[in-house]
Structures are given as C-alpha cells and as structure tokens.
Amino acid sequence: MKKIALFLLSVILLSACYKDIDLYDSDNYQPKTGLNSLFYTDSTFRIYVYKTAPPGEFSADNILKDARVILYEDGQYLEQAVYKPVNDAIGYYQTTATPRNGHIYSIEATYNGHTIRAHDTMPEPADFTINNVEITYKHKFSMDSSINGIDINFILNISINDTTSKKYYIIGGYINGEFMSYPDSNIIPNHFWIYLDEQSQGLPWEELGYTVTMVPFDNGIFALLLNPELFTQDKMRLSLKASCFYNSIDTTNVNIHILVMKLSKNLYDFYHSEVLYYNSLDNPFVEPVNVRVNVDGGLGIFAGMSIAEDSVKVRF
C-alpha cells in the first residue's frame, strides 16, 4: 500500500477557515479552534489542531502545540494523541491506533478550556475488480540528457461490488518507480491526470457524474470524485492518463497502481463542496459556496476513507 504522507495542511486549513468568515471584515475577525484529520486504511490518526485566521493570514503561529486531543472508538476511550513536530514551525498530533473498518471514531480537542468534537465512520474498503485495461498510447521521452519521462493513456474497465444505497468513491492511481522532481518544482508528477474517454461527447465532467479533486497522497494526486448517482450499475469505463518523470525505472515492466477509495458521507460532502467553492471564486455570477465541515464547536473536517488497490503491468 502506498504510504499516506502529510496532510495537505495549507489547502484544507484555508478551505475550512472560509466557512464562517466575512472576507471584508477581517479587522473584526474572531478566531475559532479548528481540527483537521483524514484517517485512512493502514495509517495512524494524524490530527492538526489550530487557531483559524482570516484568508491569507494563516501562519505557523496558528498551530496549537499544547492542546489535549483524545480519540474514542465506538464511544469508548482509545488513547490520547501525542504532539509530533514536523519542524520548528508546524506539527500534528498522532496516535498509535489505526482505524478499523466499520467502526465509529470520535475526536475531542481541548485548548484554553474550550473543547471541540467530531466523529465519523471508517468505511469498509471497496470490493473492486479490474476487468480490462486497454492501452491506447504509450511513449518514452527525454527532455534533455538528465530528464526522462513516460506517458501512458489507457481505458480502465472496472467493477465495484457495493450493495449500499449511497456510494461515495474517488478513483485515482500512481506509477511505480524511482521518480525525480520536475525542474523548478517540488512536485513529483507521477500521478494520473484525468481525461474523459471518447464516449463523453464533450460534456462537462459534472454532467457525467465526475468531479476532479486532489487527495493527499505522497505528493498529491488529482483523481475523480464520483457522484453517488453515477452508480446505477457496478461496471465503469474511465479514460485516464498516467505521466511521470524519472531517474531510473524498468520501462519493460511498469506497474500502474489503481486506487479505489471509498469515502464517508462527511468526506464526500467536504471534497464536493471544496471543489464547488474553488470553482465559484472570482465569479460574480455564482452564489458563494460554503465548504462543508463536521467539527462541533469549531471548524474543520474529521473523516474516514478506506483504500483498495490493484495494479497492472505495462511493457514498453
């Protein structure tokens, strides 16, 4: 399983902070206590506790390093999280426990006598099958003597066995290998860029039941957030493009890893409203959108996601 790295702290903190903020009244702004934690398959809980700030004014000073953070499982005390500094400026609270499928987790953070709370369920992992992968294009290239890359376009045909009434999924992936950073950037682009197949007929993604979002993998990954209404049948056909730059990789045997991530309702609402929020920015003809959060007494998101993974090999 590909390891989940640090939460995309800056993106989600700012998203959560916008919910109750008057953008034109920052002089009278009253900070709130915020909490962010997305918990995953095979990963301990990482909880960020912070003091909110007006847009553009969030800094390392807003990170709260001396809060009391308690985790519960199915209403029973589990453990107190310990603060772990990333560097001198920021850090997070971490547990030794990992979430178990189907269980309800609650978080309680207290700072300066004020307590905020949230809870969510760890979804069961997706039962999915890769029926077929049709390679439509593959290409090795060199930008110069030190920068190599590969591009792969493919049609992914999968089946998801899910009998629940509401189905909340993100589908994405990555390529295995030893990768390098693109020049003048700290991002390692070994994730999938999402394209629709020829059956889309040029319709907007939202009309097809897709929304492109970013999920917090090792370097961030753009993936398809699937609307629940898309699942009128269990078989899906998606057109994807995998792209990366690399130092060294065995291109005779490249592994494409497919990730099917099942979200809780809280997490789906957060991602969906976050995308709508950013789409409404700087558009005078669109109603403002609030980001959906689930922390009582403060701001932020505490939500679960299970991850199922499979891979296919591509030879060049």
C-alpha atoms as a PDB file:
ATOM      1  CA  MET A   1       0.000   0.000   0.000  1.00  0.00           C
ATOM      2  CA  LYS A   2       1.367   3.355  -0.973  1.00  0.00           C
ATOM      3  CA  LYS A   3       2.121   5.292   2.184  1.00  0.00           C
ATOM      4  CA  ILE A   4      -0.025   8.319   3.022  1.00  0.00           C
ATOM      5  CA  ALA A   5       2.199  11.287   3.802  1.00  0.00           C
ATOM      6  CA  LEU A   6       1.483  14.606   5.458  1.00  0.00           C
ATOM      7  CA  PHE A   7      -1.996  16.006   5.117  1.00  0.00           C
ATOM      8  CA  LEU A   8      -2.339  18.829   2.578  1.00  0.00           C
ATOM      9  CA  LEU A   9      -2.427  21.185   5.522  1.00  0.00           C
ATOM     10  CA  SER A  10      -2.424  24.568   3.870  1.00  0.00           C
ATOM     11  CA  VAL A  11      -5.165  23.723   1.355  1.00  0.00           C
ATOM     12  CA  ILE A  12      -7.592  22.224   3.838  1.00  0.00           C
ATOM     13  CA  LEU A  13      -6.933  24.690   6.636  1.00  0.00           C
ATOM     14  CA  LEU A  14      -7.770  27.585   4.371  1.00  0.00           C
ATOM     15  CA  SER A  15     -10.788  25.793   2.985  1.00  0.00           C
ATOM     16  CA  ALA A  16     -12.166  25.169   6.453  1.00  0.00           C
ATOM     17  CA  CYS A  17     -11.460  28.706   7.571  1.00  0.00           C
ATOM     18  CA  TYR A  18     -13.628  30.245   4.865  1.00  0.00           C
ATOM     19  CA  LYS A  19     -16.893  28.753   6.120  1.00  0.00           C
ATOM     20  CA  ASP A  20     -17.878  31.442   8.607  1.00  0.00           C
ATOM     21  CA  ILE A  21     -15.585  34.284   7.589  1.00  0.00           C
ATOM     22  CA  ASP A  22     -16.643  37.663   6.230  1.00  0.00           C
ATOM     23  CA  LEU A  23     -13.882  38.310   3.706  1.00  0.00           C
ATOM     24  CA  TYR A  24     -14.380  42.063   4.004  1.00  0.00           C
ATOM     25  CA  ASP A  25     -14.347  42.312   7.801  1.00  0.00           C
ATOM     26  CA  SER A  26     -11.007  40.825   8.816  1.00  0.00           C
ATOM     27  CA  ASP A  27     -10.407  43.658  11.299  1.00  0.00           C
ATOM     28  CA  ASN A  28     -13.222  42.311  13.490  1.00  0.00           C
ATOM     29  CA  TYR A  29     -12.408  38.676  12.913  1.00  0.00           C
ATOM     30  CA  GLN A  30     -12.723  36.367  15.934  1.00  0.00           C
ATOM     31  CA  PRO A  31     -10.539  33.231  15.648  1.00  0.00           C
ATOM     32  CA  LYS A  32     -12.004  29.779  16.224  1.00  0.00           C
ATOM     33  CA  THR A  33     -10.407  26.485  17.174  1.00  0.00           C
ATOM     34  CA  GLY A  34     -10.023  24.191  14.184  1.00  0.00           C
ATOM     35  CA  LEU A  35      -9.309  20.487  13.782  1.00  0.00           C
ATOM     36  CA  ASN A  36      -8.428  18.517  10.629  1.00  0.00           C
ATOM     37  CA  SER A  37      -7.855  14.799  10.315  1.00  0.00           C
ATOM     38  CA  LEU A  38      -8.494  12.401   7.458  1.00  0.00           C
ATOM     39  CA  PHE A  39      -7.950   8.811   8.559  1.00  0.00           C
ATOM     40  CA  TYR A  40      -7.089   6.021   6.150  1.00  0.00           C
ATOM     41  CA  THR A  41      -6.546   2.330   5.762  1.00  0.00           C
ATOM     42  CA  ASP A  42      -3.317   1.151   7.465  1.00  0.00           C
ATOM     43  CA  SER A  43      -2.472   4.615   8.799  1.00  0.00           C
ATOM     44  CA  THR A  44      -2.404   6.051  12.308  1.00  0.00           C
ATOM     45  CA  PHE A  45      -4.532   9.095  13.073  1.00  0.00           C
ATOM     46  CA  ARG A  46      -2.852  12.446  12.367  1.00  0.00           C
ATOM     47  CA  ILE A  47      -4.749  15.369  13.815  1.00  0.00           C
ATOM     48  CA  TYR A  48      -3.981  19.027  13.150  1.00  0.00           C
ATOM     49  CA  VAL A  49      -5.287  21.439  15.778  1.00  0.00           C
ATOM     50  CA  TYR A  50      -5.059  25.145  15.032  1.00  0.00           C
ATOM     51  CA  LYS A  51      -6.461  28.596  15.554  1.00  0.00           C
ATOM     52  CA  THR A  52      -8.265  29.895  12.484  1.00  0.00           C
ATOM     53  CA  ALA A  53      -7.280  33.119  10.747  1.00  0.00           C
ATOM     54  CA  PRO A  54      -8.705  35.390   8.037  1.00  0.00           C
ATOM     55  CA  PRO A  55      -7.873  34.299   4.478  1.00  0.00           C
ATOM     56  CA  GLY A  56      -4.221  34.891   3.646  1.00  0.00           C
ATOM     57  CA  GLU A  57      -3.173  35.429   7.264  1.00  0.00           C
ATOM     58  CA  PHE A  58      -2.732  31.832   8.454  1.00  0.00           C
ATOM     59  CA  SER A  59       0.821  31.182   9.707  1.00  0.00           C
ATOM     60  CA  ALA A  60       2.784  28.702  11.793  1.00  0.00           C
ATOM     61  CA  ASP A  61       1.769  30.677  14.907  1.00  0.00           C
ATOM     62  CA  ASN A  62      -1.775  29.405  14.397  1.00  0.00           C
ATOM     63  CA  ILE A  63      -0.741  25.782  15.006  1.00  0.00           C
ATOM     64  CA  LEU A  64      -1.708  24.773  18.576  1.00  0.00           C
ATOM     65  CA  LYS A  65       1.012  22.632  20.130  1.00  0.00           C
ATOM     66  CA  ASP A  66      -0.390  22.192  23.657  1.00  0.00           C
ATOM     67  CA  ALA A  67      -3.965  21.011  23.117  1.00  0.00           C
ATOM     68  CA  ARG A  68      -5.370  17.882  24.760  1.00  0.00           C
ATOM     69  CA  VAL A  69      -6.508  15.523  21.992  1.00  0.00           C
ATOM     70  CA  ILE A  70      -8.474  12.370  22.884  1.00  0.00           C
ATOM     71  CA  LEU A  71      -9.537   9.611  20.467  1.00  0.00           C
ATOM     72  CA  TYR A  72     -12.548   7.320  21.045  1.00  0.00           C
ATOM     73  CA  GLU A  73     -13.645   4.153  19.235  1.00  0.00           C
ATOM     74  CA  ASP A  74     -17.362   3.314  19.299  1.00  0.00           C
ATOM     75  CA  GLY A  75     -17.788   5.696  22.219  1.00  0.00           C
ATOM     76  CA  GLN A  76     -15.007   4.122  24.319  1.00  0.00           C
ATOM     77  CA  TYR A  77     -11.742   5.883  25.241  1.00  0.00           C
ATOM     78  CA  LEU A  78      -8.915   4.709  22.993  1.00  0.00           C
ATOM     79  CA  GLU A  79      -5.912   6.965  23.671  1.00  0.00           C
ATOM     80  CA  GLN A  80      -4.563  10.495  23.984  1.00  0.00           C
ATOM     81  CA  ALA A  81      -2.724  11.690  20.887  1.00  0.00           C
ATOM     82  CA  VAL A  82       0.852  12.960  21.223  1.00  0.00           C
ATOM     83  CA  TYR A  83       2.123  16.118  19.505  1.00  0.00           C
ATOM     84  CA  LYS A  84       4.750  15.400  16.826  1.00  0.00           C
ATOM     85  CA  PRO A  85       6.667  18.391  15.409  1.00  0.00           C
ATOM     86  CA  VAL A  86       7.376  18.321  11.684  1.00  0.00           C
ATOM     87  CA  ASN A  87       9.824  21.184  12.133  1.00  0.00           C
ATOM     88  CA  ASP A  88      10.181  24.199  14.417  1.00  0.00           C
ATOM     89  CA  ALA A  89       7.075  25.784  12.914  1.00  0.00           C
ATOM     90  CA  ILE A  90       4.387  23.128  12.495  1.00  0.00           C
ATOM     91  CA  GLY A  91       3.379  19.696  13.700  1.00  0.00           C
ATOM     92  CA  TYR A  92       0.439  17.404  14.334  1.00  0.00           C
ATOM     93  CA  TYR A  93      -0.983  15.072  16.977  1.00  0.00           C
ATOM     94  CA  GLN A  94      -0.540  11.363  16.333  1.00  0.00           C
ATOM     95  CA  THR A  95      -1.986   8.172  17.773  1.00  0.00           C
ATOM     96  CA  THR A  96      -0.589   4.646  17.824  1.00  0.00           C
ATOM     97  CA  ALA A  97      -4.012   3.259  16.902  1.00  0.00           C
ATOM     98  CA  THR A  98      -5.105   2.652  13.325  1.00  0.00           C
ATOM     99  CA  PRO A  99      -8.754   2.782  12.234  1.00  0.00           C
ATOM    100  CA  ARG A 100     -10.728  -0.429  11.839  1.00  0.00           C
ATOM    101  CA  ASN A 101     -13.292  -0.857   9.090  1.00  0.00           C
ATOM    102  CA  GLY A 102     -16.879  -0.248  10.107  1.00  0.00           C
ATOM    103  CA  HIS A 103     -16.073   1.370  13.468  1.00  0.00           C
ATOM    104  CA  ILE A 104     -17.079   4.864  14.588  1.00  0.00           C
ATOM    105  CA  TYR A 105     -14.277   7.189  15.715  1.00  0.00           C
ATOM    106  CA  SER A 106     -14.658  10.359  17.737  1.00  0.00           C
ATOM    107  CA  ILE A 107     -12.090  13.069  18.388  1.00  0.00           C
ATOM    108  CA  GLU A 108     -12.094  15.621  21.201  1.00  0.00           C
ATOM    109  CA  ALA A 109      -9.622  18.512  21.325  1.00  0.00           C
ATOM    110  CA  THR A 110      -9.431  20.926  24.259  1.00  0.00           C
ATOM    111  CA  TYR A 111      -7.466  24.183  24.233  1.00  0.00           C
ATOM    112  CA  ASN A 112      -7.717  27.004  26.787  1.00  0.00           C
ATOM    113  CA  GLY A 113     -10.774  25.398  28.339  1.00  0.00           C
ATOM    114  CA  HIS A 114     -12.680  25.186  25.030  1.00  0.00           C
ATOM    115  CA  THR A 115     -13.487  21.739  23.598  1.00  0.00           C
ATOM    116  CA  ILE A 116     -14.358  20.859  20.015  1.00  0.00           C
ATOM    117  CA  ARG A 117     -15.615  17.454  18.877  1.00  0.00           C
ATOM    118  CA  ALA A 118     -16.220  15.438  15.721  1.00  0.00           C
ATOM    119  CA  HIS A 119     -16.969  11.849  14.748  1.00  0.00           C
ATOM    120  CA  ASP A 120     -17.095   9.709  11.631  1.00  0.00           C
ATOM    121  CA  THR A 121     -17.139   6.085  10.476  1.00  0.00           C
ATOM    122  CA  MET A 122     -14.295   4.207   8.842  1.00  0.00           C
ATOM    123  CA  PRO A 123     -15.903   2.839   5.635  1.00  0.00           C
ATOM    124  CA  GLU A 124     -15.476  -0.760   4.545  1.00  0.00           C
ATOM    125  CA  PRO A 125     -12.965  -0.992   1.653  1.00  0.00           C
ATOM    126  CA  ALA A 126     -14.233  -1.259  -1.897  1.00  0.00           C
ATOM    127  CA  ASP A 127     -14.612  -4.710  -3.425  1.00  0.00           C
ATOM    128  CA  PHE A 128     -13.444  -3.943  -6.947  1.00  0.00           C
ATOM    129  CA  THR A 129     -12.123  -5.875  -9.912  1.00  0.00           C
ATOM    130  CA  ILE A 130     -10.063  -4.656 -12.868  1.00  0.00           C
ATOM    131  CA  ASN A 131     -11.868  -6.269 -15.773  1.00  0.00           C
ATOM    132  CA  ASN A 132      -9.644  -4.943 -18.517  1.00  0.00           C
ATOM    133  CA  VAL A 133      -7.088  -2.240 -19.304  1.00  0.00           C
ATOM    134  CA  GLU A 134      -6.861  -1.053 -22.902  1.00  0.00           C
ATOM    135  CA  ILE A 135      -3.597   0.760 -23.624  1.00  0.00           C
ATOM    136  CA  THR A 136      -4.347   3.465 -26.193  1.00  0.00           C
ATOM    137  CA  TYR A 137      -0.978   5.274 -26.148  1.00  0.00           C
ATOM    138  CA  LYS A 138       2.418   4.810 -24.541  1.00  0.00           C
ATOM    139  CA  HIS A 139       5.515   6.887 -25.055  1.00  0.00           C
ATOM    140  CA  LYS A 140       9.004   7.255 -23.587  1.00  0.00           C
ATOM    141  CA  PHE A 141      10.688  10.623 -23.954  1.00  0.00           C
ATOM    142  CA  SER A 142      13.689  12.696 -22.843  1.00  0.00           C
ATOM    143  CA  MET A 143      13.568  16.437 -22.234  1.00  0.00           C
ATOM    144  CA  ASP A 144      17.359  16.557 -22.013  1.00  0.00           C
ATOM    145  CA  SER A 145      20.197  14.237 -21.025  1.00  0.00           C
ATOM    146  CA  SER A 146      19.087  14.114 -17.376  1.00  0.00           C
ATOM    147  CA  ILE A 147      15.275  14.193 -17.572  1.00  0.00           C
ATOM    148  CA  ASN A 148      13.395  11.129 -18.765  1.00  0.00           C
ATOM    149  CA  GLY A 149       9.674  10.521 -18.776  1.00  0.00           C
ATOM    150  CA  ILE A 150       6.883   8.186 -19.765  1.00  0.00           C
ATOM    151  CA  ASP A 151       3.270   8.811 -20.773  1.00  0.00           C
ATOM    152  CA  ILE A 152       0.544   6.157 -20.806  1.00  0.00           C
ATOM    153  CA  ASN A 153      -3.052   6.656 -21.931  1.00  0.00           C
ATOM    154  CA  PHE A 154      -5.435   3.847 -21.129  1.00  0.00           C
ATOM    155  CA  ILE A 155      -9.076   2.878 -20.801  1.00  0.00           C
ATOM    156  CA  LEU A 156      -9.813   1.373 -17.387  1.00  0.00           C
ATOM    157  CA  ASN A 157     -12.741  -1.038 -17.096  1.00  0.00           C
ATOM    158  CA  ILE A 158     -13.587  -1.957 -13.513  1.00  0.00           C
ATOM    159  CA  SER A 159     -16.428  -3.442 -11.487  1.00  0.00           C
ATOM    160  CA  ILE A 160     -17.271  -2.381  -7.924  1.00  0.00           C
ATOM    161  CA  ASN A 161     -19.397  -4.712  -5.811  1.00  0.00           C
ATOM    162  CA  ASP A 162     -21.353  -2.440  -3.460  1.00  0.00           C
ATOM    163  CA  THR A 163     -24.925  -3.026  -2.314  1.00  0.00           C
ATOM    164  CA  THR A 164     -25.206   0.057  -0.082  1.00  0.00           C
ATOM    165  CA  SER A 165     -27.758   2.702  -1.026  1.00  0.00           C
ATOM    166  CA  LYS A 166     -25.240   5.553  -1.302  1.00  0.00           C
ATOM    167  CA  LYS A 167     -21.796   5.038  -2.783  1.00  0.00           C
ATOM    168  CA  TYR A 168     -19.058   7.642  -2.340  1.00  0.00           C
ATOM    169  CA  TYR A 169     -15.829   6.958  -4.225  1.00  0.00           C
ATOM    170  CA  ILE A 170     -12.636   8.525  -5.508  1.00  0.00           C
ATOM    171  CA  ILE A 171     -10.651   6.715  -8.205  1.00  0.00           C
ATOM    172  CA  GLY A 172      -7.021   7.511  -8.998  1.00  0.00           C
ATOM    173  CA  GLY A 173      -3.602   5.923  -9.078  1.00  0.00           C
ATOM    174  CA  TYR A 174       0.147   6.195  -9.467  1.00  0.00           C
ATOM    175  CA  ILE A 175       3.089   4.598 -11.277  1.00  0.00           C
ATOM    176  CA  ASN A 176       5.762   2.568  -9.534  1.00  0.00           C
ATOM    177  CA  GLY A 177       9.382   3.635  -9.907  1.00  0.00           C
ATOM    178  CA  GLU A 178      12.185   5.882  -8.740  1.00  0.00           C
ATOM    179  CA  PHE A 179      10.970   9.361  -9.597  1.00  0.00           C
ATOM    180  CA  MET A 180      12.509  12.798  -9.729  1.00  0.00           C
ATOM    181  CA  SER A 181      11.203  16.315  -9.257  1.00  0.00           C
ATOM    182  CA  TYR A 182      10.349  18.347 -12.309  1.00  0.00           C
ATOM    183  CA  PRO A 183      12.786  21.301 -12.693  1.00  0.00           C
ATOM    184  CA  ASP A 184      11.917  24.360 -10.553  1.00  0.00           C
ATOM    185  CA  SER A 185       9.208  22.414  -8.734  1.00  0.00           C
ATOM    186  CA  ASN A 186       8.906  20.322  -5.578  1.00  0.00           C
ATOM    187  CA  ILE A 187       6.085  18.255  -7.067  1.00  0.00           C
ATOM    188  CA  ILE A 188       6.911  14.820  -8.419  1.00  0.00           C
ATOM    189  CA  PRO A 189       4.326  14.308 -11.183  1.00  0.00           C
ATOM    190  CA  ASN A 190       3.890  10.527 -11.060  1.00  0.00           C
ATOM    191  CA  HIS A 191       0.130  10.734 -10.561  1.00  0.00           C
ATOM    192  CA  PHE A 192      -2.729  10.410 -13.035  1.00  0.00           C
ATOM    193  CA  TRP A 193      -4.070  13.330 -14.990  1.00  0.00           C
ATOM    194  CA  ILE A 194      -7.741  12.737 -15.620  1.00  0.00           C
ATOM    195  CA  TYR A 195      -9.201  12.675 -19.121  1.00  0.00           C
ATOM    196  CA  LEU A 196     -12.640  11.545 -20.253  1.00  0.00           C
ATOM    197  CA  ASP A 197     -12.963   8.878 -22.912  1.00  0.00           C
ATOM    198  CA  GLU A 198     -14.446   9.366 -26.364  1.00  0.00           C
ATOM    199  CA  GLN A 199     -17.922   8.466 -25.097  1.00  0.00           C
ATOM    200  CA  SER A 200     -18.119  11.696 -23.096  1.00  0.00           C
ATOM    201  CA  GLN A 201     -19.047  13.690 -26.235  1.00  0.00           C
ATOM    202  CA  GLY A 202     -17.558  16.857 -24.773  1.00  0.00           C
ATOM    203  CA  LEU A 203     -19.972  17.149 -21.852  1.00  0.00           C
ATOM    204  CA  PRO A 204     -18.789  18.886 -18.649  1.00  0.00           C
ATOM    205  CA  TRP A 205     -17.438  16.450 -16.073  1.00  0.00           C
ATOM    206  CA  GLU A 206     -20.162  17.286 -13.566  1.00  0.00           C
ATOM    207  CA  GLU A 207     -22.859  16.225 -16.043  1.00  0.00           C
ATOM    208  CA  LEU A 208     -21.160  12.849 -16.356  1.00  0.00           C
ATOM    209  CA  GLY A 209     -21.032  12.403 -12.585  1.00  0.00           C
ATOM    210  CA  TYR A 210     -17.317  13.198 -12.231  1.00  0.00           C
ATOM    211  CA  THR A 211     -15.541  15.934 -10.319  1.00  0.00           C
ATOM    212  CA  VAL A 212     -11.757  16.328 -10.360  1.00  0.00           C
ATOM    213  CA  THR A 213     -10.270  16.820  -6.903  1.00  0.00           C
ATOM    214  CA  MET A 214      -6.935  16.484  -5.100  1.00  0.00           C
ATOM    215  CA  VAL A 215      -6.372  13.864  -2.420  1.00  0.00           C
ATOM    216  CA  PRO A 216      -3.410  13.869  -0.010  1.00  0.00           C
ATOM    217  CA  PHE A 217      -1.101  11.129  -1.179  1.00  0.00           C
ATOM    218  CA  ASP A 218       2.695  11.353  -1.025  1.00  0.00           C
ATOM    219  CA  ASN A 219       2.864  14.248  -3.471  1.00  0.00           C
ATOM    220  CA  GLY A 220      -0.808  14.982  -4.056  1.00  0.00           C
ATOM    221  CA  ILE A 221      -2.839  13.252  -6.721  1.00  0.00           C
ATOM    222  CA  PHE A 222      -5.587  14.560  -8.938  1.00  0.00           C
ATOM    223  CA  ALA A 223      -8.360  11.993  -9.062  1.00  0.00           C
ATOM    224  CA  LEU A 224     -12.009  11.509  -9.978  1.00  0.00           C
ATOM    225  CA  LEU A 225     -14.546  12.188  -7.251  1.00  0.00           C
ATOM    226  CA  LEU A 226     -17.554  10.141  -8.320  1.00  0.00           C
ATOM    227  CA  ASN A 227     -21.062  11.387  -7.584  1.00  0.00           C
ATOM    228  CA  PRO A 228     -23.308   8.747  -5.935  1.00  0.00           C
ATOM    229  CA  GLU A 229     -25.819   8.953  -8.783  1.00  0.00           C
ATOM    230  CA  LEU A 230     -23.166   7.514 -11.125  1.00  0.00           C
ATOM    231  CA  PHE A 231     -23.575   4.046  -9.622  1.00  0.00           C
ATOM    232  CA  THR A 232     -26.677   2.814 -11.404  1.00  0.00           C
ATOM    233  CA  GLN A 233     -24.579  -0.208 -12.340  1.00  0.00           C
ATOM    234  CA  ASP A 234     -21.388  -1.658 -10.951  1.00  0.00           C
ATOM    235  CA  LYS A 235     -19.289  -1.546 -14.136  1.00  0.00           C
ATOM    236  CA  MET A 236     -17.385   1.608 -15.056  1.00  0.00           C
ATOM    237  CA  ARG A 237     -15.279   2.712 -18.029  1.00  0.00           C
ATOM    238  CA  LEU A 238     -12.813   5.544 -17.410  1.00  0.00           C
ATOM    239  CA  SER A 239     -10.219   7.078 -19.688  1.00  0.00           C
ATOM    240  CA  LEU A 240      -7.060   8.014 -17.760  1.00  0.00           C
ATOM    241  CA  LYS A 241      -3.572   9.273 -18.454  1.00  0.00           C
ATOM    242  CA  ALA A 242      -0.549   8.340 -16.330  1.00  0.00           C
ATOM    243  CA  SER A 243       2.539  10.538 -16.598  1.00  0.00           C
ATOM    244  CA  CYS A 244       5.849  10.790 -14.745  1.00  0.00           C
ATOM    245  CA  PHE A 245       9.464  11.904 -14.867  1.00  0.00           C
ATOM    246  CA  TYR A 246      12.081   9.528 -13.508  1.00  0.00           C
ATOM    247  CA  ASN A 247      15.736   8.951 -12.719  1.00  0.00           C
ATOM    248  CA  SER A 248      15.674   5.237 -13.332  1.00  0.00           C
ATOM    249  CA  ILE A 249      12.859   2.810 -13.999  1.00  0.00           C
ATOM    250  CA  ASP A 250      12.493  -0.550 -15.708  1.00  0.00           C
ATOM    251  CA  THR A 251      10.272   0.556 -18.560  1.00  0.00           C
ATOM    252  CA  THR A 252       9.953  -3.013 -19.772  1.00  0.00           C
ATOM    253  CA  ASN A 253       7.751  -3.683 -16.751  1.00  0.00           C
ATOM    254  CA  VAL A 254       5.962  -0.554 -15.468  1.00  0.00           C
ATOM    255  CA  ASN A 255       3.332  -1.036 -12.754  1.00  0.00           C
ATOM    256  CA  ILE A 256       0.195   1.121 -12.895  1.00  0.00           C
ATOM    257  CA  HIS A 257      -1.470   1.093  -9.479  1.00  0.00           C
ATOM    258  CA  ILE A 258      -5.224   1.678  -9.414  1.00  0.00           C
ATOM    259  CA  LEU A 259      -6.693   3.067  -6.185  1.00  0.00           C
ATOM    260  CA  VAL A 260     -10.405   2.880  -5.394  1.00  0.00           C
ATOM    261  CA  MET A 261     -11.093   4.918  -2.283  1.00  0.00           C
ATOM    262  CA  LYS A 262     -14.435   4.673  -0.505  1.00  0.00           C
ATOM    263  CA  LEU A 263     -15.368   7.830   1.407  1.00  0.00           C
ATOM    264  CA  SER A 264     -17.623   8.509   4.336  1.00  0.00           C
ATOM    265  CA  LYS A 265     -20.564  10.813   3.638  1.00  0.00           C
ATOM    266  CA  ASN A 266     -18.805  13.583   5.615  1.00  0.00           C
ATOM    267  CA  LEU A 267     -15.685  13.314   3.477  1.00  0.00           C
ATOM    268  CA  TYR A 268     -17.622  13.238   0.214  1.00  0.00           C
ATOM    269  CA  ASP A 269     -19.528  16.386   1.244  1.00  0.00           C
ATOM    270  CA  PHE A 270     -16.238  18.082   2.149  1.00  0.00           C
ATOM    271  CA  TYR A 271     -14.473  17.266  -1.137  1.00  0.00           C
ATOM    272  CA  HIS A 272     -17.512  18.084  -3.256  1.00  0.00           C
ATOM    273  CA  SER A 273     -18.167  21.432  -1.565  1.00  0.00           C
ATOM    274  CA  GLU A 274     -14.446  22.283  -1.664  1.00  0.00           C
ATOM    275  CA  VAL A 275     -14.404  21.824  -5.453  1.00  0.00           C
ATOM    276  CA  LEU A 276     -17.563  23.927  -5.809  1.00  0.00           C
ATOM    277  CA  TYR A 277     -16.043  26.584  -3.549  1.00  0.00           C
ATOM    278  CA  TYR A 278     -12.902  26.988  -5.655  1.00  0.00           C
ATOM    279  CA  ASN A 279     -14.971  26.944  -8.850  1.00  0.00           C
ATOM    280  CA  SER A 280     -17.022  29.874  -7.508  1.00  0.00           C
ATOM    281  CA  LEU A 281     -14.040  32.078  -6.620  1.00  0.00           C
ATOM    282  CA  ASP A 282     -13.758  35.338  -8.566  1.00  0.00           C
ATOM    283  CA  ASN A 283     -17.002  34.626 -10.409  1.00  0.00           C
ATOM    284  CA  PRO A 284     -19.516  37.456  -9.803  1.00  0.00           C
ATOM    285  CA  PHE A 285     -22.348  35.437 -11.378  1.00  0.00           C
ATOM    286  CA  VAL A 286     -22.098  32.465  -8.984  1.00  0.00           C
ATOM    287  CA  GLU A 287     -23.509  32.240  -5.470  1.00  0.00           C
ATOM    288  CA  PRO A 288     -20.766  31.829  -2.812  1.00  0.00           C
ATOM    289  CA  VAL A 289     -20.299  28.232  -1.646  1.00  0.00           C
ATOM    290  CA  ASN A 290     -19.550  27.197   1.934  1.00  0.00           C
ATOM    291  CA  VAL A 291     -17.185  24.297   2.498  1.00  0.00           C
ATOM    292  CA  ARG A 292     -18.962  21.510   4.408  1.00  0.00           C
ATOM    293  CA  VAL A 293     -17.234  20.675   7.698  1.00  0.00           C
ATOM    294  CA  ASN A 294     -18.255  18.468  10.638  1.00  0.00           C
ATOM    295  CA  VAL A 295     -16.455  19.762  13.751  1.00  0.00           C
ATOM    296  CA  ASP A 296     -18.825  20.799  16.550  1.00  0.00           C
ATOM    297  CA  GLY A 297     -17.791  23.940  18.415  1.00  0.00           C
ATOM    298  CA  GLY A 298     -15.173  24.912  15.836  1.00  0.00           C
ATOM    299  CA  LEU A 299     -14.138  24.400  12.216  1.00  0.00           C
ATOM    300  CA  GLY A 300     -12.515  21.607  10.272  1.00  0.00           C
ATOM    301  CA  ILE A 301     -13.043  18.073   8.998  1.00  0.00           C
ATOM    302  CA  PHE A 302     -12.631  14.694  10.728  1.00  0.00           C
ATOM    303  CA  ALA A 303     -13.484  11.928   8.275  1.00  0.00           C
ATOM    304  CA  GLY A 304     -12.549   8.458   7.069  1.00  0.00           C
ATOM    305  CA  MET A 305     -11.518   6.862   3.777  1.00  0.00           C
ATOM    306  CA  SER A 306     -10.735   3.222   3.044  1.00  0.00           C
ATOM    307  CA  ILE A 307      -8.364   2.325   0.222  1.00  0.00           C
ATOM    308  CA  ALA A 308      -8.358  -0.713  -2.049  1.00  0.00           C
ATOM    309  CA  GLU A 309      -5.541  -1.178  -4.532  1.00  0.00           C
ATOM    310  CA  ASP A 310      -4.675  -3.320  -7.510  1.00  0.00           C
ATOM    311  CA  SER A 311      -2.071  -2.987 -10.258  1.00  0.00           C
ATOM    312  CA  VAL A 312      -1.468  -3.862 -13.880  1.00  0.00           C
ATOM    313  CA  LYS A 313       1.782  -4.099 -15.834  1.00  0.00           C
ATOM    314  CA  VAL A 314       2.604  -2.138 -18.973  1.00  0.00           C
ATOM    315  CA  ARG A 315       5.572  -3.042 -21.163  1.00  0.00           C
ATOM    316  CA  PHE A 316       7.326  -0.513 -23.434  1.00  0.00           C
END
